[in-house]
Amino acid sequence: VDALNGCLCGIVVNPKCEGALKCRQAGCETQWYHLHCVNFESEPKNWMCETCKASSRGRGGKHLKPHA
């Protein structure tokens, strides 16, 4: 089993099981999480895991200031 597919708790989530939550970011290494592991009681719409949020903020978020 690939460790990258494991939830925060380290257990691989079966997407067909109740309580499975998928990160909306294409290319997410984990993809599936347990709702209770990310502190949700029900599935939010368009949810993105913290790892993908952090990496998307890092891409294109910095702008160079023009020289005066």
Protein backbone atom coordinates (compact mmCIF):
# COMPACT_ATOMS: atom_id res chain seq x y z
CA VAL A 1 0.00 0.00 0.00
CA ASP A 2 1.36 3.40 -0.98
CA ALA A 3 1.73 5.58 2.13
CA LEU A 4 0.87 8.69 0.11
CA ASN A 5 -2.68 7.40 -0.28
CA GLY A 6 -3.21 7.28 3.48
CA CYS A 7 -5.33 9.76 5.38
CA LEU A 8 -3.80 11.94 8.10
CA CYS A 9 -4.33 9.00 10.45
CA GLY A 10 -2.21 6.77 8.18
CA ILE A 11 -5.08 4.52 7.08
CA VAL A 12 -6.01 4.28 3.40
CA VAL A 13 -9.59 5.50 2.90
CA ASN A 14 -12.04 3.44 0.85
CA PRO A 15 -13.81 6.07 -1.31
CA LYS A 16 -17.01 4.00 -1.26
CA CYS A 17 -17.26 4.09 2.52
CA GLU A 18 -19.39 6.57 4.41
CA GLY A 19 -17.28 9.36 5.84
CA ALA A 20 -14.83 9.53 2.92
CA LEU A 21 -13.86 13.01 1.73
CA LYS A 22 -11.96 13.74 -1.48
CA CYS A 23 -9.62 16.69 -2.00
CA ARG A 24 -10.75 18.61 -5.09
CA GLN A 25 -7.19 19.44 -6.17
CA ALA A 26 -6.10 17.46 -9.24
CA GLY A 27 -2.88 15.62 -8.47
CA CYS A 28 -3.40 15.51 -4.68
CA GLU A 29 -1.08 12.81 -3.37
CA THR A 30 -3.51 11.68 -0.69
CA GLN A 31 -6.88 12.36 -2.40
CA TRP A 32 -9.12 10.69 0.19
CA TYR A 33 -9.52 11.57 3.88
CA HIS A 34 -11.81 10.53 6.72
CA LEU A 35 -14.27 13.31 7.58
CA HIS A 36 -13.47 12.97 11.29
CA CYS A 37 -9.71 13.25 10.65
CA VAL A 38 -10.15 16.68 9.05
CA ASN A 39 -12.74 17.78 11.64
CA PHE A 40 -15.90 17.71 9.51
CA GLU A 41 -19.23 16.09 10.32
CA SER A 42 -20.50 16.30 6.74
CA GLU A 43 -18.82 16.69 3.37
CA PRO A 44 -18.12 20.32 2.43
CA LYS A 45 -18.37 21.34 -1.23
CA ASN A 46 -15.13 21.94 -3.13
CA TRP A 47 -12.91 20.98 -0.19
CA MET A 48 -9.13 21.14 -0.58
CA CYS A 49 -6.70 19.54 1.88
CA GLU A 50 -4.21 21.72 3.78
CA THR A 51 -1.25 20.38 1.78
CA CYS A 52 -2.82 21.38 -1.53
CA LYS A 53 -3.93 24.76 -0.13
CA ALA A 54 -0.37 25.49 0.94
CA SER A 55 1.13 24.44 -2.39
CA SER A 56 -1.43 26.42 -4.41
CA ARG A 57 -0.66 29.54 -2.34
CA GLY A 58 3.01 29.08 -3.12
CA ARG A 59 2.44 28.96 -6.89
CA GLY A 60 1.91 32.32 -8.53
CA GLY A 61 1.17 34.08 -5.27
CA LYS A 62 4.29 36.22 -5.30
CA HIS A 63 4.57 39.27 -7.49
CA LEU A 64 7.78 41.08 -8.25
CA LYS A 65 7.81 44.79 -7.52
CA PRO A 66 9.00 46.95 -10.39
CA HIS A 67 12.27 48.81 -9.87
CA ALA A 68 11.86 52.53 -9.24
